[in-house]
Amino acid sequence: MKKVADGEMITERFKVRFNKKQNIKKLFEHFHKCKVDANLVRQEKNGQYWYVEYIRRCFPSYEMIQNHWDGHSHFD
């Protein structure tokens, strides 16, 4: 709520690991098809795994909270 009040976008940070580097590309292709706004922050290989960190922007949540503050109703 504080982020939205300050005009900042709501984000979630994820850390995942993969056996194969090609699966990182497949994940981001899937995000693109589903219109998920995700940005790769870091990827590195450690041992046999690829460790990936990415941030997803939560625009629908941000927009819903803004609309509430502007006096609009929300129906689920």
PDB file of N, CA and C in Angstrom:
ATOM      1  N   MET A   1       0.820  -1.178   0.000  1.00  0.00           N
ATOM      2  CA  MET A   1       0.000   0.000   0.000  1.00  0.00           C
ATOM      3  C   MET A   1       0.874   1.255   0.000  1.00  0.00           C
ATOM      4  N   LYS A   2       1.956   1.213   0.773  1.00  0.00           N
ATOM      5  CA  LYS A   2       2.828   2.384   0.851  1.00  0.00           C
ATOM      6  C   LYS A   2       3.448   2.679  -0.513  1.00  0.00           C
ATOM      7  N   LYS A   3       3.874   1.622  -1.217  1.00  0.00           N
ATOM      8  CA  LYS A   3       4.458   1.834  -2.544  1.00  0.00           C
ATOM      9  C   LYS A   3       3.478   2.526  -3.478  1.00  0.00           C
ATOM     10  N   VAL A   4       2.243   2.063  -3.479  1.00  0.00           N
ATOM     11  CA  VAL A   4       1.240   2.661  -4.362  1.00  0.00           C
ATOM     12  C   VAL A   4       0.984   4.110  -3.957  1.00  0.00           C
ATOM     13  N   ALA A   5       0.916   4.348  -2.650  1.00  0.00           N
ATOM     14  CA  ALA A   5       0.698   5.717  -2.161  1.00  0.00           C
ATOM     15  C   ALA A   5       1.828   6.639  -2.601  1.00  0.00           C
ATOM     16  N   ASP A   6       3.044   6.093  -2.689  1.00  0.00           N
ATOM     17  CA  ASP A   6       4.201   6.878  -3.120  1.00  0.00           C
ATOM     18  C   ASP A   6       4.354   6.912  -4.642  1.00  0.00           C
ATOM     19  N   GLY A   7       3.418   6.262  -5.359  1.00  0.00           N
ATOM     20  CA  GLY A   7       3.472   6.245  -6.819  1.00  0.00           C
ATOM     21  C   GLY A   7       4.414   5.199  -7.385  1.00  0.00           C
ATOM     22  N   GLU A   8       4.872   4.270  -6.541  1.00  0.00           N
ATOM     23  CA  GLU A   8       5.783   3.218  -6.999  1.00  0.00           C
ATOM     24  C   GLU A   8       4.990   1.997  -7.456  1.00  0.00           C
ATOM     25  N   MET A   9       5.523   1.308  -8.436  1.00  0.00           N
ATOM     26  CA  MET A   9       4.897   0.097  -8.937  1.00  0.00           C
ATOM     27  C   MET A   9       5.099  -1.042  -7.931  1.00  0.00           C
ATOM     28  N   ILE A  10       4.094  -1.896  -7.794  1.00  0.00           N
ATOM     29  CA  ILE A  10       4.211  -3.081  -6.947  1.00  0.00           C
ATOM     30  C   ILE A  10       5.000  -4.129  -7.727  1.00  0.00           C
ATOM     31  N   THR A  11       6.004  -4.710  -7.088  1.00  0.00           N
ATOM     32  CA  THR A  11       6.820  -5.740  -7.746  1.00  0.00           C
ATOM     33  C   THR A  11       6.986  -6.937  -6.822  1.00  0.00           C
ATOM     34  N   GLU A  12       7.295  -8.069  -7.436  1.00  0.00           N
ATOM     35  CA  GLU A  12       7.648  -9.282  -6.704  1.00  0.00           C
ATOM     36  C   GLU A  12       8.992  -9.756  -7.244  1.00  0.00           C
ATOM     37  N   ARG A  13       9.848 -10.196  -6.353  1.00  0.00           N
ATOM     38  CA  ARG A  13      11.167 -10.696  -6.750  1.00  0.00           C
ATOM     39  C   ARG A  13      11.163 -12.213  -6.560  1.00  0.00           C
ATOM     40  N   PHE A  14      11.641 -12.931  -7.576  1.00  0.00           N
ATOM     41  CA  PHE A  14      11.674 -14.386  -7.551  1.00  0.00           C
ATOM     42  C   PHE A  14      13.100 -14.882  -7.773  1.00  0.00           C
ATOM     43  N   LYS A  15      13.432 -15.975  -7.108  1.00  0.00           N
ATOM     44  CA  LYS A  15      14.703 -16.668  -7.323  1.00  0.00           C
ATOM     45  C   LYS A  15      14.362 -18.120  -7.619  1.00  0.00           C
ATOM     46  N   VAL A  16      14.814 -18.588  -8.776  1.00  0.00           N
ATOM     47  CA  VAL A  16      14.531 -19.960  -9.211  1.00  0.00           C
ATOM     48  C   VAL A  16      15.813 -20.597  -9.738  1.00  0.00           C
ATOM     49  N   ARG A  17      15.783 -21.910  -9.882  1.00  0.00           N
ATOM     50  CA  ARG A  17      16.947 -22.584 -10.457  1.00  0.00           C
ATOM     51  C   ARG A  17      16.488 -23.566 -11.531  1.00  0.00           C
ATOM     52  N   PHE A  18      17.391 -23.779 -12.479  1.00  0.00           N
ATOM     53  CA  PHE A  18      17.116 -24.635 -13.623  1.00  0.00           C
ATOM     54  C   PHE A  18      18.269 -25.600 -13.834  1.00  0.00           C
ATOM     55  N   ASN A  19      17.940 -26.760 -14.409  1.00  0.00           N
ATOM     56  CA  ASN A  19      18.975 -27.716 -14.806  1.00  0.00           C
ATOM     57  C   ASN A  19      19.636 -27.296 -16.105  1.00  0.00           C
ATOM     58  N   LYS A  20      18.839 -26.711 -17.007  1.00  0.00           N
ATOM     59  CA  LYS A  20      19.338 -26.355 -18.336  1.00  0.00           C
ATOM     60  C   LYS A  20      19.115 -24.878 -18.608  1.00  0.00           C
ATOM     61  N   LYS A  21      20.101 -24.238 -19.206  1.00  0.00           N
ATOM     62  CA  LYS A  21      20.009 -22.815 -19.520  1.00  0.00           C
ATOM     63  C   LYS A  21      18.869 -22.532 -20.492  1.00  0.00           C
ATOM     64  N   GLN A  22      18.588 -23.448 -21.415  1.00  0.00           N
ATOM     65  CA  GLN A  22      17.536 -23.234 -22.410  1.00  0.00           C
ATOM     66  C   GLN A  22      16.163 -23.062 -21.748  1.00  0.00           C
ATOM     67  N   ASN A  23      15.985 -23.597 -20.545  1.00  0.00           N
ATOM     68  CA  ASN A  23      14.707 -23.464 -19.855  1.00  0.00           C
ATOM     69  C   ASN A  23      14.467 -22.050 -19.336  1.00  0.00           C
ATOM     70  N   ILE A  24      15.527 -21.297 -19.127  1.00  0.00           N
ATOM     71  CA  ILE A  24      15.386 -19.892 -18.744  1.00  0.00           C
ATOM     72  C   ILE A  24      14.716 -19.140 -19.892  1.00  0.00           C
ATOM     73  N   LYS A  25      15.205 -19.383 -21.102  1.00  0.00           N
ATOM     74  CA  LYS A  25      14.620 -18.748 -22.280  1.00  0.00           C
ATOM     75  C   LYS A  25      13.164 -19.154 -22.445  1.00  0.00           C
ATOM     76  N   LYS A  26      12.851 -20.421 -22.214  1.00  0.00           N
ATOM     77  CA  LYS A  26      11.474 -20.897 -22.340  1.00  0.00           C
ATOM     78  C   LYS A  26      10.560 -20.225 -21.322  1.00  0.00           C
ATOM     79  N   LEU A  27      11.057 -20.013 -20.105  1.00  0.00           N
ATOM     80  CA  LEU A  27      10.258 -19.337 -19.088  1.00  0.00           C
ATOM     81  C   LEU A  27       9.896 -17.923 -19.532  1.00  0.00           C
ATOM     82  N   PHE A  28      10.880 -17.178 -20.040  1.00  0.00           N
ATOM     83  CA  PHE A  28      10.614 -15.804 -20.452  1.00  0.00           C
ATOM     84  C   PHE A  28       9.783 -15.729 -21.727  1.00  0.00           C
ATOM     85  N   GLU A  29       9.880 -16.728 -22.594  1.00  0.00           N
ATOM     86  CA  GLU A  29       8.982 -16.798 -23.752  1.00  0.00           C
ATOM     87  C   GLU A  29       7.542 -17.014 -23.282  1.00  0.00           C
ATOM     88  N   HIS A  30       7.384 -17.868 -22.286  1.00  0.00           N
ATOM     89  CA  HIS A  30       6.052 -18.111 -21.713  1.00  0.00           C
ATOM     90  C   HIS A  30       5.499 -16.827 -21.089  1.00  0.00           C
ATOM     91  N   PHE A  31       6.323 -16.118 -20.334  1.00  0.00           N
ATOM     92  CA  PHE A  31       5.895 -14.845 -19.757  1.00  0.00           C
ATOM     93  C   PHE A  31       5.429 -13.889 -20.852  1.00  0.00           C
ATOM     94  N   HIS A  32       6.178 -13.828 -21.931  1.00  0.00           N
ATOM     95  CA  HIS A  32       5.834 -12.928 -23.029  1.00  0.00           C
ATOM     96  C   HIS A  32       4.473 -13.293 -23.627  1.00  0.00           C
ATOM     97  N   LYS A  33       4.239 -14.582 -23.847  1.00  0.00           N
ATOM     98  CA  LYS A  33       2.967 -15.042 -24.415  1.00  0.00           C
ATOM     99  C   LYS A  33       1.800 -14.715 -23.487  1.00  0.00           C
ATOM    100  N   CYS A  34       2.042 -14.786 -22.182  1.00  0.00           N
ATOM    101  CA  CYS A  34       0.989 -14.541 -21.189  1.00  0.00           C
ATOM    102  C   CYS A  34       0.903 -13.076 -20.779  1.00  0.00           C
ATOM    103  N   LYS A  35       1.720 -12.242 -21.418  1.00  0.00           N
ATOM    104  CA  LYS A  35       1.749 -10.802 -21.133  1.00  0.00           C
ATOM    105  C   LYS A  35       2.104 -10.505 -19.677  1.00  0.00           C
ATOM    106  N   VAL A  36       3.048 -11.298 -19.144  1.00  0.00           N
ATOM    107  CA  VAL A  36       3.569 -11.069 -17.796  1.00  0.00           C
ATOM    108  C   VAL A  36       4.769 -10.150 -17.925  1.00  0.00           C
ATOM    109  N   ASP A  37       4.768  -9.072 -17.157  1.00  0.00           N
ATOM    110  CA  ASP A  37       5.857  -8.091 -17.205  1.00  0.00           C
ATOM    111  C   ASP A  37       6.952  -8.531 -16.230  1.00  0.00           C
ATOM    112  N   ALA A  38       7.907  -9.304 -16.721  1.00  0.00           N
ATOM    113  CA  ALA A  38       8.985  -9.819 -15.888  1.00  0.00           C
ATOM    114  C   ALA A  38      10.325  -9.429 -16.495  1.00  0.00           C
ATOM    115  N   ASN A  39      11.237  -9.015 -15.632  1.00  0.00           N
ATOM    116  CA  ASN A  39      12.566  -8.603 -16.083  1.00  0.00           C
ATOM    117  C   ASN A  39      13.633  -9.437 -15.392  1.00  0.00           C
ATOM    118  N   LEU A  40      14.531  -9.962 -16.194  1.00  0.00           N
ATOM    119  CA  LEU A  40      15.645 -10.738 -15.677  1.00  0.00           C
ATOM    120  C   LEU A  40      16.612  -9.807 -14.949  1.00  0.00           C
ATOM    121  N   VAL A  41      16.936 -10.156 -13.720  1.00  0.00           N
ATOM    122  CA  VAL A  41      17.870  -9.365 -12.927  1.00  0.00           C
ATOM    123  C   VAL A  41      19.258  -9.997 -12.964  1.00  0.00           C
ATOM    124  N   ARG A  42      19.281 -11.331 -12.819  1.00  0.00           N
ATOM    125  CA  ARG A  42      20.573 -12.000 -12.718  1.00  0.00           C
ATOM    126  C   ARG A  42      20.409 -13.466 -13.099  1.00  0.00           C
ATOM    127  N   GLN A  43      21.426 -14.001 -13.748  1.00  0.00           N
ATOM    128  CA  GLN A  43      21.498 -15.448 -13.988  1.00  0.00           C
ATOM    129  C   GLN A  43      22.950 -15.866 -13.863  1.00  0.00           C
ATOM    130  N   GLU A  44      23.166 -16.972 -13.184  1.00  0.00           N
ATOM    131  CA  GLU A  44      24.539 -17.464 -13.045  1.00  0.00           C
ATOM    132  C   GLU A  44      24.515 -18.972 -12.845  1.00  0.00           C
ATOM    133  N   LYS A  45      25.561 -19.597 -13.317  1.00  0.00           N
ATOM    134  CA  LYS A  45      25.686 -21.037 -13.160  1.00  0.00           C
ATOM    135  C   LYS A  45      26.548 -21.306 -11.939  1.00  0.00           C
ATOM    136  N   ASN A  46      26.042 -22.188 -11.079  1.00  0.00           N
ATOM    137  CA  ASN A  46      26.773 -22.592  -9.891  1.00  0.00           C
ATOM    138  C   ASN A  46      26.620 -24.101  -9.771  1.00  0.00           C
ATOM    139  N   GLY A  47      27.704 -24.827 -10.003  1.00  0.00           N
ATOM    140  CA  GLY A  47      27.614 -26.282 -10.036  1.00  0.00           C
ATOM    141  C   GLY A  47      26.844 -26.718 -11.255  1.00  0.00           C
ATOM    142  N   GLN A  48      25.875 -27.583 -11.064  1.00  0.00           N
ATOM    143  CA  GLN A  48      25.095 -28.082 -12.202  1.00  0.00           C
ATOM    144  C   GLN A  48      23.852 -27.257 -12.482  1.00  0.00           C
ATOM    145  N   TYR A  49      23.556 -26.283 -11.642  1.00  0.00           N
ATOM    146  CA  TYR A  49      22.320 -25.508 -11.797  1.00  0.00           C
ATOM    147  C   TYR A  49      22.563 -24.092 -12.279  1.00  0.00           C
ATOM    148  N   TRP A  50      21.540 -23.565 -12.972  1.00  0.00           N
ATOM    149  CA  TRP A  50      21.480 -22.154 -13.337  1.00  0.00           C
ATOM    150  C   TRP A  50      20.557 -21.471 -12.345  1.00  0.00           C
ATOM    151  N   TYR A  51      21.053 -20.452 -11.682  1.00  0.00           N
ATOM    152  CA  TYR A  51      20.269 -19.689 -10.716  1.00  0.00           C
ATOM    153  C   TYR A  51      19.839 -18.380 -11.377  1.00  0.00           C
ATOM    154  N   VAL A  52      18.548 -18.104 -11.284  1.00  0.00           N
ATOM    155  CA  VAL A  52      17.966 -16.958 -11.969  1.00  0.00           C
ATOM    156  C   VAL A  52      17.188 -16.123 -10.959  1.00  0.00           C
ATOM    157  N   GLU A  53      17.329 -14.820 -11.098  1.00  0.00           N
ATOM    158  CA  GLU A  53      16.541 -13.887 -10.292  1.00  0.00           C
ATOM    159  C   GLU A  53      15.826 -12.959 -11.261  1.00  0.00           C
ATOM    160  N   TYR A  54      14.521 -12.780 -11.038  1.00  0.00           N
ATOM    161  CA  TYR A  54      13.766 -11.867 -11.892  1.00  0.00           C
ATOM    162  C   TYR A  54      12.730 -11.116 -11.056  1.00  0.00           C
ATOM    163  N   ILE A  55      12.282 -10.005 -11.608  1.00  0.00           N
ATOM    164  CA  ILE A  55      11.275  -9.168 -10.958  1.00  0.00           C
ATOM    165  C   ILE A  55      10.049  -9.121 -11.853  1.00  0.00           C
ATOM    166  N   ARG A  56       8.886  -9.301 -11.239  1.00  0.00           N
ATOM    167  CA  ARG A  56       7.613  -9.212 -11.962  1.00  0.00           C
ATOM    168  C   ARG A  56       6.873  -7.978 -11.473  1.00  0.00           C
ATOM    169  N   ARG A  57       6.464  -7.151 -12.413  1.00  0.00           N
ATOM    170  CA  ARG A  57       5.675  -5.955 -12.074  1.00  0.00           C
ATOM    171  C   ARG A  57       4.211  -6.352 -11.977  1.00  0.00           C
ATOM    172  N   CYS A  58       3.544  -5.907 -10.922  1.00  0.00           N
ATOM    173  CA  CYS A  58       2.143  -6.271 -10.662  1.00  0.00           C
ATOM    174  C   CYS A  58       1.232  -5.100 -10.989  1.00  0.00           C
ATOM    175  N   PHE A  59       1.148  -4.772 -12.266  1.00  0.00           N
ATOM    176  CA  PHE A  59       0.357  -3.628 -12.678  1.00  0.00           C
ATOM    177  C   PHE A  59      -1.125  -3.759 -12.314  1.00  0.00           C
ATOM    178  N   PRO A  60      -1.771  -4.920 -12.492  1.00  0.00           N
ATOM    179  CA  PRO A  60      -3.201  -5.006 -12.142  1.00  0.00           C
ATOM    180  C   PRO A  60      -3.471  -4.675 -10.663  1.00  0.00           C
ATOM    181  N   SER A  61      -2.624  -5.137  -9.760  1.00  0.00           N
ATOM    182  CA  SER A  61      -2.805  -4.825  -8.339  1.00  0.00           C
ATOM    183  C   SER A  61      -2.618  -3.341  -8.092  1.00  0.00           C
ATOM    184  N   TYR A  62      -1.604  -2.774  -8.709  1.00  0.00           N
ATOM    185  CA  TYR A  62      -1.333  -1.342  -8.567  1.00  0.00           C
ATOM    186  C   TYR A  62      -2.541  -0.525  -9.049  1.00  0.00           C
ATOM    187  N   GLU A  63      -3.043  -0.897 -10.210  1.00  0.00           N
ATOM    188  CA  GLU A  63      -4.170  -0.178 -10.800  1.00  0.00           C
ATOM    189  C   GLU A  63      -5.429  -0.304  -9.938  1.00  0.00           C
ATOM    190  N   MET A  64      -5.677  -1.498  -9.382  1.00  0.00           N
ATOM    191  CA  MET A  64      -6.849  -1.710  -8.551  1.00  0.00           C
ATOM    192  C   MET A  64      -6.787  -0.836  -7.286  1.00  0.00           C
ATOM    193  N   ILE A  65      -5.643  -0.778  -6.645  1.00  0.00           N
ATOM    194  CA  ILE A  65      -5.492   0.042  -5.438  1.00  0.00           C
ATOM    195  C   ILE A  65      -5.666   1.518  -5.777  1.00  0.00           C
ATOM    196  N   GLN A  66      -5.070   1.951  -6.877  1.00  0.00           N
ATOM    197  CA  GLN A  66      -5.242   3.347  -7.296  1.00  0.00           C
ATOM    198  C   GLN A  66      -6.713   3.676  -7.529  1.00  0.00           C
ATOM    199  N   ASN A  67      -7.427   2.765  -8.172  1.00  0.00           N
ATOM    200  CA  ASN A  67      -8.849   2.980  -8.436  1.00  0.00           C
ATOM    201  C   ASN A  67      -9.656   3.067  -7.148  1.00  0.00           C
ATOM    202  N   HIS A  68      -9.319   2.230  -6.154  1.00  0.00           N
ATOM    203  CA  HIS A  68      -9.995   2.303  -4.858  1.00  0.00           C
ATOM    204  C   HIS A  68      -9.802   3.682  -4.243  1.00  0.00           C
ATOM    205  N   TRP A  69      -8.583   4.166  -4.269  1.00  0.00           N
ATOM    206  CA  TRP A  69      -8.291   5.473  -3.682  1.00  0.00           C
ATOM    207  C   TRP A  69      -8.964   6.606  -4.445  1.00  0.00           C
ATOM    208  N   ASP A  70      -9.246   6.381  -5.710  1.00  0.00           N
ATOM    209  CA  ASP A  70      -9.943   7.392  -6.500  1.00  0.00           C
ATOM    210  C   ASP A  70     -11.462   7.304  -6.332  1.00  0.00           C
ATOM    211  N   GLY A  71     -11.930   6.349  -5.497  1.00  0.00           N
ATOM    212  CA  GLY A  71     -13.351   6.223  -5.186  1.00  0.00           C
ATOM    213  C   GLY A  71     -14.119   5.248  -6.040  1.00  0.00           C
ATOM    214  N   HIS A  72     -13.441   4.491  -6.882  1.00  0.00           N
ATOM    215  CA  HIS A  72     -14.111   3.507  -7.734  1.00  0.00           C
ATOM    216  C   HIS A  72     -14.331   2.207  -6.969  1.00  0.00           C
ATOM    217  N   SER A  73     -15.365   1.475  -7.355  1.00  0.00           N
ATOM    218  CA  SER A  73     -15.655   0.175  -6.757  1.00  0.00           C
ATOM    219  C   SER A  73     -14.904  -0.918  -7.493  1.00  0.00           C
ATOM    220  N   HIS A  74     -14.751  -2.048  -6.833  1.00  0.00           N
ATOM    221  CA  HIS A  74     -14.105  -3.208  -7.465  1.00  0.00           C
ATOM    222  C   HIS A  74     -15.028  -4.397  -7.295  1.00  0.00           C
ATOM    223  N   PHE A  75     -15.380  -5.054  -8.387  1.00  0.00           N
ATOM    224  CA  PHE A  75     -16.196  -6.243  -8.350  1.00  0.00           C
ATOM    225  C   PHE A  75     -15.357  -7.413  -8.811  1.00  0.00           C
ATOM    226  N   ASP A  76     -15.419  -8.483  -8.062  1.00  0.00           N
ATOM    227  CA  ASP A  76     -14.618  -9.656  -8.355  1.00  0.00           C
ATOM    228  C   ASP A  76     -15.453 -10.717  -9.034  1.00  0.00           C
TER     229      ASP A  76
END
